[in-house]
Protein backbone atom coordinates (compact mmCIF):
# COMPACT_ATOMS: atom_id res chain seq x y z
CA MET A 1 -0.12 -0.08 -0.20
CA ALA A 2 1.36 3.56 -0.77
CA ASP A 3 2.08 5.96 2.02
CA GLU A 4 1.51 9.62 2.51
CA ALA A 5 4.53 10.72 0.76
CA ASP A 6 3.41 8.33 -2.52
CA LEU A 7 0.26 9.90 -2.58
CA LEU A 8 1.52 13.55 -2.74
CA SER A 9 3.88 13.14 -5.16
CA ILE A 10 1.19 12.13 -7.81
CA GLY A 11 -0.65 15.41 -7.94
CA LYS A 12 0.32 19.03 -7.83
CA HIS A 13 -0.73 21.75 -5.91
CA CYS A 14 -2.76 24.92 -7.50
CA SER A 15 -0.71 27.76 -8.29
CA LEU A 16 -3.05 30.19 -6.91
CA ALA A 17 -1.48 31.59 -3.66
CA SER A 18 -4.65 31.73 -1.82
CA CYS A 19 -5.87 27.88 -3.15
CA LYS A 20 -2.67 25.86 -3.20
CA ARG A 21 -5.30 23.35 -3.26
CA LEU A 22 -3.63 19.69 -4.14
CA ASP A 23 -4.98 18.39 -7.27
CA PHE A 24 -4.45 14.71 -8.72
CA LEU A 25 -5.54 16.07 -12.43
CA PRO A 26 -4.14 19.40 -12.71
CA PHE A 27 -4.07 21.95 -15.60
CA GLN A 28 -1.65 23.55 -17.36
CA CYS A 29 -2.64 27.22 -18.65
CA SER A 30 -1.74 27.86 -21.97
CA HIS A 31 -0.86 31.28 -21.31
CA CYS A 32 1.31 31.54 -18.33
CA LYS A 33 2.40 28.15 -17.92
CA GLU A 34 1.20 27.53 -14.51
CA VAL A 35 -0.54 24.41 -12.45
CA PHE A 36 -3.75 25.22 -11.26
CA CYS A 37 -6.83 22.65 -10.21
CA LEU A 38 -10.32 22.16 -11.33
CA GLU A 39 -11.94 25.32 -9.89
CA HIS A 40 -9.24 28.00 -11.18
CA ARG A 41 -7.99 26.19 -14.49
CA THR A 42 -9.32 29.28 -16.66
CA PRO A 43 -7.47 32.18 -17.62
CA GLU A 44 -10.39 34.25 -15.67
CA GLU A 45 -10.51 32.41 -12.46
CA HIS A 46 -6.89 32.62 -11.61
CA GLN A 47 -6.80 36.33 -13.22
CA CYS A 48 -3.81 35.35 -15.41
CA SER A 49 -1.50 38.38 -16.56
CA HIS A 50 -0.12 36.91 -19.45
CA VAL A 51 -3.57 36.14 -21.51
CA GLY A 52 -3.07 39.54 -23.79
CA LEU A 53 0.58 38.78 -24.23
CA THR A 54 0.04 35.21 -25.51
CA ASP A 55 -3.25 35.39 -27.32
CA VAL A 56 -2.30 34.42 -30.78
CA HIS A 57 -4.61 32.43 -33.23
CA VAL A 58 -3.93 31.28 -36.69
CA PRO A 59 -6.93 30.89 -38.76
CA VAL A 60 -7.16 27.75 -40.76
CA CYS A 61 -9.65 27.20 -43.28
CA PRO A 62 -12.52 24.78 -42.28
CA ILE A 63 -12.93 23.34 -45.69
CA CYS A 64 -9.16 22.60 -46.88
CA ASN A 65 -7.37 22.96 -43.32
CA GLN A 66 -4.96 25.59 -45.07
CA ILE A 67 -3.42 28.46 -43.04
CA ILE A 68 -5.51 31.62 -44.10
CA LYS A 69 -3.37 34.63 -44.69
CA LYS A 70 -4.92 37.85 -44.15
CA SER A 71 -4.01 41.25 -43.19
CA LYS A 72 -4.67 42.70 -39.70
CA ASP A 73 -8.13 44.63 -40.80
CA GLU A 74 -9.30 41.83 -43.21
CA ASP A 75 -12.06 39.61 -42.22
CA ILE A 76 -11.02 36.07 -42.28
CA ASN A 77 -14.50 35.03 -43.94
CA THR A 78 -13.35 36.64 -47.14
CA GLN A 79 -10.33 34.42 -47.74
CA VAL A 80 -12.05 31.41 -47.62
CA ARG A 81 -12.94 29.77 -51.08
CA TYR A 82 -15.70 27.49 -52.03
């Protein structure tokens, strides 16, 4: 039977200072790369300060799966060809 130290090494503690809950299925934030529990997994829930810094989306055509090249002010929907 596993002892308490073995059980603690399985999970990770929530990175939110006010929580620190041990979670056996932790989530890693795609923005700040910190680890969080189920309750604080979203950037909104842990008030992630990296959201605007890494929020980059590359549009992909749903028909041909090619990257859509566009300028900043162009609508991606005008680039999709049927």
